[in-house]
Amino acid sequence: MASTQDSQPFHWHYAELGDHDFEIRGRTLFFIVVLFAILLIFTLIFVYARWVFSCYRDTPTPTSHARPPPPLQPRGLDPATINALPITMVTRGRALESECCICLGVFEDGQKVKVLPSCHHPYHSECVDRWLSAESSCPLCRVSLRVESGQLHQIPVIVSQ
């Protein structure tokens, strides 16, 4: 029965497990701060590496079999198409248009204007040439001129004042 006297029941007391005497100081505090700093540095390196590799993955390499992006179409018309637009002389008579809607200048009698073939809107040559070098549509009604660039024809413009 000696074994029963040696074994005592184990009693848990909340007061015995309190952490009021728990202190971190000296070398222990230093090692905890160093460990936290090392974990923070490794985390930052990991995040940076993921960012770099995700950017690197998005750029195609010469050996990759990915399709190249389609070439961007220029927004404006080429100079040959712009120069092929019909030029008409303004004459007095019935009014179709009386001013260039780009510069808002009035068309004078005997002045040469360019007429857009798809919508028949007249403009000063300098105004519409500058516009069409950047855009491929009519400045007034926005109809596209790229489709009909090979089918240019002259339209007489009659303007009265």
N, C-alpha and C. Protein backbone atom coordinates (compact mmCIF):
# COMPACT_ATOMS: atom_id res chain seq x y z
N MET A 1 0.79 -1.17 0.00
CA MET A 1 0.00 0.00 0.00
C MET A 1 0.84 1.26 0.00
N ALA A 2 2.04 1.04 -0.03
CA ALA A 2 2.94 2.17 -0.06
C ALA A 2 2.75 2.97 -1.32
N SER A 3 2.33 2.32 -2.38
CA SER A 3 2.15 3.02 -3.65
C SER A 3 0.96 3.96 -3.60
N THR A 4 -0.04 3.61 -2.81
CA THR A 4 -1.21 4.48 -2.72
C THR A 4 -0.90 5.70 -1.87
N GLN A 5 0.01 5.58 -0.92
CA GLN A 5 0.35 6.73 -0.10
C GLN A 5 1.24 7.69 -0.87
N ASP A 6 2.08 7.15 -1.79
CA ASP A 6 2.96 8.02 -2.57
C ASP A 6 2.18 8.82 -3.62
N SER A 7 1.14 8.28 -4.15
CA SER A 7 0.37 8.98 -5.19
C SER A 7 -0.67 9.85 -4.52
N GLN A 8 -0.58 11.10 -4.75
CA GLN A 8 -1.54 12.03 -4.18
C GLN A 8 -2.42 12.56 -5.30
N PRO A 9 -3.62 12.85 -4.97
CA PRO A 9 -4.50 13.38 -6.01
C PRO A 9 -4.00 14.75 -6.49
N PHE A 10 -4.16 14.99 -7.79
CA PHE A 10 -3.70 16.23 -8.42
C PHE A 10 -4.84 17.23 -8.42
N HIS A 11 -4.65 18.35 -7.78
CA HIS A 11 -5.68 19.38 -7.69
C HIS A 11 -5.22 20.62 -8.45
N TRP A 12 -6.10 21.06 -9.28
CA TRP A 12 -5.83 22.30 -10.03
C TRP A 12 -6.44 23.47 -9.27
N HIS A 13 -5.67 24.46 -9.08
CA HIS A 13 -6.16 25.68 -8.46
C HIS A 13 -5.88 26.83 -9.41
N TYR A 14 -6.92 27.61 -9.68
CA TYR A 14 -6.77 28.72 -10.61
C TYR A 14 -5.76 29.73 -10.11
N ALA A 15 -5.68 29.90 -8.85
CA ALA A 15 -4.74 30.87 -8.28
C ALA A 15 -3.31 30.42 -8.49
N GLU A 16 -3.05 29.13 -8.55
CA GLU A 16 -1.70 28.64 -8.77
C GLU A 16 -1.27 28.83 -10.22
N LEU A 17 -2.22 28.91 -11.18
CA LEU A 17 -1.90 29.03 -12.59
C LEU A 17 -1.91 30.48 -13.07
N GLY A 18 -1.99 31.42 -12.24
CA GLY A 18 -2.02 32.83 -12.62
C GLY A 18 -0.70 33.27 -13.24
N ASP A 19 -0.77 34.31 -14.05
CA ASP A 19 0.45 34.79 -14.72
C ASP A 19 0.89 36.15 -14.18
N HIS A 20 0.55 36.42 -12.96
CA HIS A 20 0.93 37.70 -12.39
C HIS A 20 2.43 37.80 -12.14
N ASP A 21 3.13 36.69 -12.06
CA ASP A 21 4.57 36.70 -11.87
C ASP A 21 5.33 36.56 -13.19
N PHE A 22 4.62 36.52 -14.31
CA PHE A 22 5.24 36.31 -15.62
C PHE A 22 5.93 37.59 -16.08
N GLU A 23 7.21 37.51 -16.40
CA GLU A 23 7.97 38.66 -16.85
C GLU A 23 8.88 38.25 -18.00
N ILE A 24 8.99 39.14 -18.98
CA ILE A 24 9.95 38.93 -20.07
C ILE A 24 10.91 40.10 -20.02
N ARG A 25 12.19 39.79 -19.88
CA ARG A 25 13.18 40.84 -19.81
C ARG A 25 14.53 40.29 -20.23
N GLY A 26 15.44 41.19 -20.47
CA GLY A 26 16.80 40.79 -20.79
C GLY A 26 16.91 40.13 -22.15
N ARG A 27 17.63 39.02 -22.17
CA ARG A 27 17.89 38.29 -23.41
C ARG A 27 16.62 37.74 -24.03
N THR A 28 15.67 37.34 -23.24
CA THR A 28 14.43 36.77 -23.76
C THR A 28 13.68 37.81 -24.60
N LEU A 29 13.57 39.02 -24.11
CA LEU A 29 12.91 40.08 -24.86
C LEU A 29 13.66 40.36 -26.15
N PHE A 30 14.98 40.42 -26.11
CA PHE A 30 15.79 40.65 -27.29
C PHE A 30 15.55 39.56 -28.34
N PHE A 31 15.53 38.30 -27.95
CA PHE A 31 15.32 37.20 -28.90
C PHE A 31 13.91 37.23 -29.49
N ILE A 32 12.93 37.61 -28.72
CA ILE A 32 11.56 37.70 -29.24
C ILE A 32 11.47 38.81 -30.29
N VAL A 33 12.08 39.95 -30.02
CA VAL A 33 12.07 41.06 -30.99
C VAL A 33 12.82 40.66 -32.26
N VAL A 34 13.96 40.01 -32.14
CA VAL A 34 14.73 39.56 -33.31
C VAL A 34 13.93 38.54 -34.11
N LEU A 35 13.29 37.60 -33.45
CA LEU A 35 12.49 36.59 -34.13
C LEU A 35 11.33 37.24 -34.89
N PHE A 36 10.67 38.20 -34.27
CA PHE A 36 9.58 38.91 -34.94
C PHE A 36 10.10 39.68 -36.16
N ALA A 37 11.25 40.34 -36.04
CA ALA A 37 11.83 41.08 -37.16
C ALA A 37 12.19 40.15 -38.31
N ILE A 38 12.75 38.99 -38.00
CA ILE A 38 13.11 38.02 -39.05
C ILE A 38 11.85 37.53 -39.76
N LEU A 39 10.80 37.22 -39.02
CA LEU A 39 9.54 36.79 -39.64
C LEU A 39 8.96 37.89 -40.53
N LEU A 40 9.03 39.12 -40.09
CA LEU A 40 8.53 40.24 -40.88
C LEU A 40 9.34 40.41 -42.17
N ILE A 41 10.65 40.31 -42.09
CA ILE A 41 11.50 40.45 -43.28
C ILE A 41 11.22 39.33 -44.27
N PHE A 42 11.12 38.10 -43.81
CA PHE A 42 10.82 36.98 -44.72
C PHE A 42 9.44 37.14 -45.37
N THR A 43 8.49 37.63 -44.62
CA THR A 43 7.16 37.86 -45.19
C THR A 43 7.21 38.92 -46.28
N LEU A 44 7.92 40.01 -46.04
CA LEU A 44 8.05 41.06 -47.04
C LEU A 44 8.78 40.57 -48.29
N ILE A 45 9.83 39.77 -48.11
CA ILE A 45 10.56 39.21 -49.25
C ILE A 45 9.64 38.28 -50.05
N PHE A 46 8.85 37.48 -49.37
CA PHE A 46 7.93 36.57 -50.05
C PHE A 46 6.89 37.35 -50.86
N VAL A 47 6.31 38.40 -50.28
CA VAL A 47 5.32 39.20 -50.99
C VAL A 47 5.95 39.89 -52.19
N TYR A 48 7.15 40.43 -52.04
CA TYR A 48 7.86 41.09 -53.14
C TYR A 48 8.17 40.09 -54.26
N ALA A 49 8.62 38.90 -53.90
CA ALA A 49 8.94 37.88 -54.91
C ALA A 49 7.68 37.48 -55.68
N ARG A 50 6.56 37.34 -55.00
CA ARG A 50 5.30 37.01 -55.70
C ARG A 50 4.92 38.11 -56.67
N TRP A 51 5.09 39.37 -56.27
CA TRP A 51 4.76 40.49 -57.13
C TRP A 51 5.67 40.51 -58.36
N VAL A 52 6.97 40.31 -58.16
CA VAL A 52 7.92 40.31 -59.28
C VAL A 52 7.60 39.17 -60.24
N PHE A 53 7.36 37.99 -59.74
CA PHE A 53 7.08 36.85 -60.62
C PHE A 53 5.74 36.98 -61.32
N SER A 54 4.77 37.62 -60.70
CA SER A 54 3.50 37.81 -61.39
C SER A 54 3.66 38.82 -62.52
N CYS A 55 4.47 39.85 -62.32
CA CYS A 55 4.74 40.81 -63.41
C CYS A 55 5.56 40.14 -64.50
N TYR A 56 6.52 39.33 -64.13
CA TYR A 56 7.37 38.65 -65.10
C TYR A 56 6.57 37.64 -65.91
N ARG A 57 5.61 37.00 -65.28
CA ARG A 57 4.80 36.00 -65.95
C ARG A 57 3.90 36.64 -67.02
N ASP A 58 3.46 37.90 -66.79
CA ASP A 58 2.57 38.57 -67.72
C ASP A 58 3.28 39.05 -68.98
N THR A 59 4.59 39.25 -68.93
CA THR A 59 5.31 39.69 -70.13
C THR A 59 5.74 38.47 -70.92
N PRO A 60 5.40 38.42 -72.22
CA PRO A 60 5.78 37.25 -73.01
C PRO A 60 7.28 37.22 -73.29
N THR A 61 7.82 36.05 -73.29
CA THR A 61 9.23 35.85 -73.61
C THR A 61 9.34 35.46 -75.08
N PRO A 62 10.50 35.60 -75.69
CA PRO A 62 10.65 35.24 -77.10
C PRO A 62 10.39 33.76 -77.37
N THR A 63 10.57 32.92 -76.37
CA THR A 63 10.35 31.49 -76.58
C THR A 63 8.95 31.04 -76.24
N SER A 64 8.13 31.96 -75.71
CA SER A 64 6.78 31.55 -75.35
C SER A 64 5.93 31.40 -76.59
N HIS A 65 4.92 30.56 -76.50
CA HIS A 65 4.07 30.29 -77.64
C HIS A 65 2.78 31.09 -77.59
N ALA A 66 2.75 32.11 -76.78
CA ALA A 66 1.56 32.95 -76.68
C ALA A 66 1.43 33.81 -77.93
N ARG A 67 0.21 34.08 -78.33
CA ARG A 67 -0.02 34.92 -79.50
C ARG A 67 0.36 36.35 -79.17
N PRO A 68 0.99 37.03 -80.13
CA PRO A 68 1.28 38.44 -79.90
C PRO A 68 -0.02 39.24 -79.95
N PRO A 69 -0.06 40.34 -79.23
CA PRO A 69 -1.28 41.14 -79.25
C PRO A 69 -1.52 41.71 -80.65
N PRO A 70 -2.77 41.88 -81.04
CA PRO A 70 -3.03 42.41 -82.38
C PRO A 70 -2.52 43.84 -82.49
N PRO A 71 -2.02 44.23 -83.65
CA PRO A 71 -1.51 45.59 -83.80
C PRO A 71 -2.65 46.60 -83.69
N LEU A 72 -2.36 47.71 -83.05
CA LEU A 72 -3.36 48.74 -82.88
C LEU A 72 -3.56 49.48 -84.21
N GLN A 73 -4.81 49.69 -84.58
CA GLN A 73 -5.08 50.44 -85.79
C GLN A 73 -4.90 51.91 -85.48
N PRO A 74 -4.28 52.65 -86.41
CA PRO A 74 -4.16 54.08 -86.16
C PRO A 74 -5.54 54.72 -86.18
N ARG A 75 -5.72 55.72 -85.37
CA ARG A 75 -7.03 56.36 -85.26
C ARG A 75 -7.33 57.21 -86.48
N GLY A 76 -6.33 57.88 -87.01
CA GLY A 76 -6.56 58.78 -88.13
C GLY A 76 -6.42 58.09 -89.48
N LEU A 77 -6.70 58.85 -90.54
CA LEU A 77 -6.55 58.33 -91.89
C LEU A 77 -5.13 58.59 -92.38
N ASP A 78 -4.69 57.82 -93.36
CA ASP A 78 -3.36 58.04 -93.91
C ASP A 78 -3.40 59.27 -94.82
N PRO A 79 -2.25 59.93 -95.03
CA PRO A 79 -2.22 61.17 -95.83
C PRO A 79 -2.73 60.99 -97.25
N ALA A 80 -2.52 59.84 -97.87
CA ALA A 80 -3.00 59.63 -99.24
C ALA A 80 -4.52 59.66 -99.29
N THR A 81 -5.18 59.08 -98.31
CA THR A 81 -6.65 59.09 -98.26
C THR A 81 -7.17 60.50 -98.00
N ILE A 82 -6.50 61.22 -97.11
CA ILE A 82 -6.91 62.60 -96.83
C ILE A 82 -6.77 63.47 -98.07
N ASN A 83 -5.67 63.31 -98.80
CA ASN A 83 -5.45 64.11 -100.01
C ASN A 83 -6.40 63.72 -101.13
N ALA A 84 -6.97 62.51 -101.09
CA ALA A 84 -7.88 62.06 -102.13
C ALA A 84 -9.31 62.55 -101.93
N LEU A 85 -9.59 63.21 -100.81
CA LEU A 85 -10.93 63.73 -100.58
C LEU A 85 -11.27 64.79 -101.62
N PRO A 86 -12.50 64.82 -102.08
CA PRO A 86 -12.86 65.80 -103.12
C PRO A 86 -12.83 67.23 -102.60
N ILE A 87 -12.30 68.11 -103.44
CA ILE A 87 -12.26 69.54 -103.14
C ILE A 87 -13.24 70.23 -104.09
N THR A 88 -14.09 71.07 -103.53
CA THR A 88 -15.14 71.71 -104.31
C THR A 88 -15.08 73.22 -104.11
N MET A 89 -15.53 73.94 -105.10
CA MET A 89 -15.58 75.39 -105.03
C MET A 89 -16.93 75.82 -104.45
N VAL A 90 -16.92 76.74 -103.52
CA VAL A 90 -18.15 77.25 -102.93
C VAL A 90 -18.74 78.29 -103.89
N THR A 91 -20.01 78.13 -104.21
CA THR A 91 -20.70 79.09 -105.08
C THR A 91 -21.97 79.55 -104.39
N ARG A 92 -22.41 80.73 -104.74
CA ARG A 92 -23.64 81.25 -104.16
C ARG A 92 -24.82 80.51 -104.76
N GLY A 93 -25.84 80.30 -104.00
CA GLY A 93 -27.02 79.60 -104.44
C GLY A 93 -27.74 79.04 -103.23
N ARG A 94 -28.24 77.84 -103.34
CA ARG A 94 -28.92 77.20 -102.21
C ARG A 94 -27.92 76.85 -101.12
N ALA A 95 -28.32 77.00 -99.89
CA ALA A 95 -27.42 76.76 -98.76
C ALA A 95 -27.54 75.32 -98.30
N LEU A 96 -26.43 74.60 -98.34
CA LEU A 96 -26.34 73.29 -97.70
C LEU A 96 -25.66 73.46 -96.35
N GLU A 97 -24.51 74.06 -96.36
CA GLU A 97 -23.76 74.39 -95.15
C GLU A 97 -23.20 75.79 -95.39
N SER A 98 -23.19 76.63 -94.39
CA SER A 98 -22.68 77.97 -94.58
C SER A 98 -21.38 78.23 -93.83
N GLU A 99 -20.97 77.30 -92.97
CA GLU A 99 -19.74 77.50 -92.22
C GLU A 99 -19.05 76.16 -91.93
N CYS A 100 -17.77 76.25 -91.71
CA CYS A 100 -16.97 75.08 -91.31
C CYS A 100 -17.24 74.84 -89.83
N CYS A 101 -17.72 73.67 -89.49
CA CYS A 101 -18.08 73.44 -88.09
C CYS A 101 -16.85 73.11 -87.23
N ILE A 102 -15.67 73.07 -87.82
CA ILE A 102 -14.45 72.88 -87.02
C ILE A 102 -13.96 74.23 -86.51
N CYS A 103 -13.77 75.18 -87.43
CA CYS A 103 -13.25 76.49 -87.02
C CYS A 103 -14.34 77.55 -86.91
N LEU A 104 -15.56 77.20 -87.33
CA LEU A 104 -16.73 78.08 -87.32
C LEU A 104 -16.56 79.29 -88.24
N GLY A 105 -15.65 79.16 -89.22
CA GLY A 105 -15.47 80.21 -90.21
C GLY A 105 -16.50 80.06 -91.32
N VAL A 106 -17.01 81.19 -91.83
CA VAL A 106 -18.01 81.19 -92.89
C VAL A 106 -17.32 80.91 -94.21
N PHE A 107 -17.95 80.07 -95.04
CA PHE A 107 -17.42 79.79 -96.37
C PHE A 107 -17.65 81.01 -97.27
N GLU A 108 -16.59 81.46 -97.91
CA GLU A 108 -16.67 82.61 -98.81
C GLU A 108 -16.90 82.12 -100.23
N ASP A 109 -17.48 82.97 -101.05
CA ASP A 109 -17.73 82.65 -102.44
C ASP A 109 -16.40 82.43 -103.16
N GLY A 110 -16.28 81.32 -103.88
CA GLY A 110 -15.05 81.00 -104.61
C GLY A 110 -14.01 80.28 -103.77
N GLN A 111 -14.28 80.02 -102.52
CA GLN A 111 -13.35 79.32 -101.62
C GLN A 111 -13.44 77.82 -101.87
N LYS A 112 -12.30 77.14 -101.78
CA LYS A 112 -12.26 75.69 -101.95
C LYS A 112 -12.47 75.01 -100.60
N VAL A 113 -13.37 74.02 -100.59
CA VAL A 113 -13.63 73.26 -99.38
C VAL A 113 -13.55 71.78 -99.70
N LYS A 114 -13.23 70.98 -98.69
CA LYS A 114 -13.24 69.53 -98.84
C LYS A 114 -14.58 69.01 -98.37
N VAL A 115 -15.12 68.04 -99.14
CA VAL A 115 -16.40 67.45 -98.82
C VAL A 115 -16.17 65.99 -98.47
N LEU A 116 -16.69 65.57 -97.34
CA LEU A 116 -16.54 64.17 -96.94
C LEU A 116 -17.54 63.33 -97.73
N PRO A 117 -17.07 62.22 -98.32
CA PRO A 117 -17.91 61.46 -99.26
C PRO A 117 -19.09 60.75 -98.62
N SER A 118 -18.98 60.31 -97.39
CA SER A 118 -20.07 59.51 -96.82
C SER A 118 -21.22 60.36 -96.30
N CYS A 119 -20.95 61.55 -95.81
CA CYS A 119 -22.00 62.36 -95.21
C CYS A 119 -22.20 63.70 -95.92
N HIS A 120 -21.30 64.04 -96.84
CA HIS A 120 -21.38 65.27 -97.66
C HIS A 120 -21.24 66.54 -96.84
N HIS A 121 -20.56 66.50 -95.71
CA HIS A 121 -20.32 67.71 -94.93
C HIS A 121 -19.06 68.40 -95.45
N PRO A 122 -19.13 69.72 -95.73
CA PRO A 122 -17.96 70.46 -96.21
C PRO A 122 -17.17 71.08 -95.06
N TYR A 123 -15.84 71.17 -95.26
CA TYR A 123 -14.95 71.77 -94.26
C TYR A 123 -13.82 72.49 -94.98
N HIS A 124 -13.19 73.44 -94.31
CA HIS A 124 -11.96 74.01 -94.85
C HIS A 124 -10.92 72.90 -94.95
N SER A 125 -10.10 72.93 -96.00
CA SER A 125 -9.11 71.86 -96.21
C SER A 125 -8.17 71.72 -95.03
N GLU A 126 -7.66 72.85 -94.53
CA GLU A 126 -6.70 72.79 -93.42
C GLU A 126 -7.35 72.22 -92.16
N CYS A 127 -8.57 72.60 -91.92
CA CYS A 127 -9.28 72.15 -90.71
C CYS A 127 -9.53 70.64 -90.74
N VAL A 128 -10.10 70.16 -91.85
CA VAL A 128 -10.45 68.75 -91.91
C VAL A 128 -9.22 67.86 -92.06
N ASP A 129 -8.16 68.37 -92.73
CA ASP A 129 -6.93 67.58 -92.85
C ASP A 129 -6.31 67.33 -91.47
N ARG A 130 -6.28 68.35 -90.65
CA ARG A 130 -5.74 68.20 -89.29
C ARG A 130 -6.61 67.24 -88.47
N TRP A 131 -7.91 67.36 -88.60
CA TRP A 131 -8.85 66.49 -87.87
C TRP A 131 -8.67 65.04 -88.31
N LEU A 132 -8.65 64.80 -89.62
CA LEU A 132 -8.61 63.43 -90.14
C LEU A 132 -7.25 62.76 -89.93
N SER A 133 -6.21 63.53 -89.66
CA SER A 133 -4.93 62.90 -89.34
C SER A 133 -4.96 62.28 -87.95
N ALA A 134 -5.90 62.74 -87.10
CA ALA A 134 -6.02 62.18 -85.75
C ALA A 134 -7.25 61.30 -85.59
N GLU A 135 -8.32 61.55 -86.34
CA GLU A 135 -9.57 60.80 -86.24
C GLU A 135 -9.98 60.33 -87.63
N SER A 136 -10.73 59.24 -87.68
CA SER A 136 -11.16 58.72 -88.98
C SER A 136 -12.66 58.85 -89.19
N SER A 137 -13.25 59.86 -88.58
CA SER A 137 -14.69 60.06 -88.70
C SER A 137 -14.98 61.53 -88.96
N CYS A 138 -16.19 61.80 -89.41
CA CYS A 138 -16.63 63.16 -89.65
C CYS A 138 -16.72 63.89 -88.31
N PRO A 139 -16.21 65.13 -88.23
CA PRO A 139 -16.29 65.86 -86.97
C PRO A 139 -17.71 66.20 -86.54
N LEU A 140 -18.62 66.31 -87.50
CA LEU A 140 -19.98 66.72 -87.17
C LEU A 140 -20.88 65.53 -86.82
N CYS A 141 -20.93 64.53 -87.70
CA CYS A 141 -21.88 63.43 -87.49
C CYS A 141 -21.20 62.13 -87.06
N ARG A 142 -19.86 62.11 -87.04
CA ARG A 142 -19.05 60.97 -86.58
C ARG A 142 -19.18 59.71 -87.44
N VAL A 143 -19.65 59.83 -88.69
CA VAL A 143 -19.70 58.67 -89.56
C VAL A 143 -18.26 58.31 -89.95
N SER A 144 -17.97 57.03 -90.00
CA SER A 144 -16.60 56.57 -90.27
C SER A 144 -16.25 56.77 -91.73
N LEU A 145 -15.04 57.22 -91.98
CA LEU A 145 -14.54 57.39 -93.35
C LEU A 145 -13.58 56.28 -93.73
N ARG A 146 -13.22 55.43 -92.81
CA ARG A 146 -12.25 54.37 -93.08
C ARG A 146 -12.82 53.35 -94.07
N VAL A 147 -14.09 53.05 -94.02
CA VAL A 147 -14.70 52.04 -94.87
C VAL A 147 -14.73 52.50 -96.32
N GLU A 148 -15.08 53.76 -96.54
CA GLU A 148 -15.25 54.26 -97.88
C GLU A 148 -14.03 55.02 -98.39
N SER A 149 -12.87 54.75 -97.83
CA SER A 149 -11.69 55.54 -98.20
C SER A 149 -11.32 55.38 -99.67
N GLY A 150 -11.64 54.26 -100.30
CA GLY A 150 -11.31 54.06 -101.70
C GLY A 150 -12.42 54.51 -102.63
N GLN A 151 -13.57 54.90 -102.13
CA GLN A 151 -14.71 55.26 -102.95
C GLN A 151 -15.02 56.74 -102.82
N LEU A 152 -14.05 57.58 -103.09
CA LEU A 152 -14.24 59.02 -102.94
C LEU A 152 -14.82 59.59 -104.23
N HIS A 153 -15.80 60.47 -104.11
CA HIS A 153 -16.41 61.10 -105.27
C HIS A 153 -16.70 62.56 -104.94
N GLN A 154 -16.83 63.39 -105.99
CA GLN A 154 -17.04 64.80 -105.75
C GLN A 154 -18.51 65.12 -105.61
N ILE A 155 -18.78 65.98 -104.65
CA ILE A 155 -20.13 66.46 -104.39
C ILE A 155 -20.09 67.98 -104.51
N PRO A 156 -20.87 68.58 -105.39
CA PRO A 156 -20.85 70.05 -105.45
C PRO A 156 -21.52 70.65 -104.22
N VAL A 157 -20.94 71.72 -103.71
CA VAL A 157 -21.47 72.40 -102.54
C VAL A 157 -21.92 73.79 -102.95
N ILE A 158 -23.13 74.11 -102.62
CA ILE A 158 -23.67 75.43 -102.93
C ILE A 158 -24.01 76.09 -101.63
N VAL A 159 -23.43 77.27 -101.40
CA VAL A 159 -23.65 77.99 -100.16
C VAL A 159 -24.13 79.39 -100.48
N SER A 160 -25.14 79.84 -99.80
CA SER A 160 -25.62 81.20 -100.00
C SER A 160 -25.49 81.96 -98.71
N GLN A 161 -25.46 83.27 -98.86
CA GLN A 161 -25.38 84.10 -97.66
C GLN A 161 -26.57 85.01 -97.54
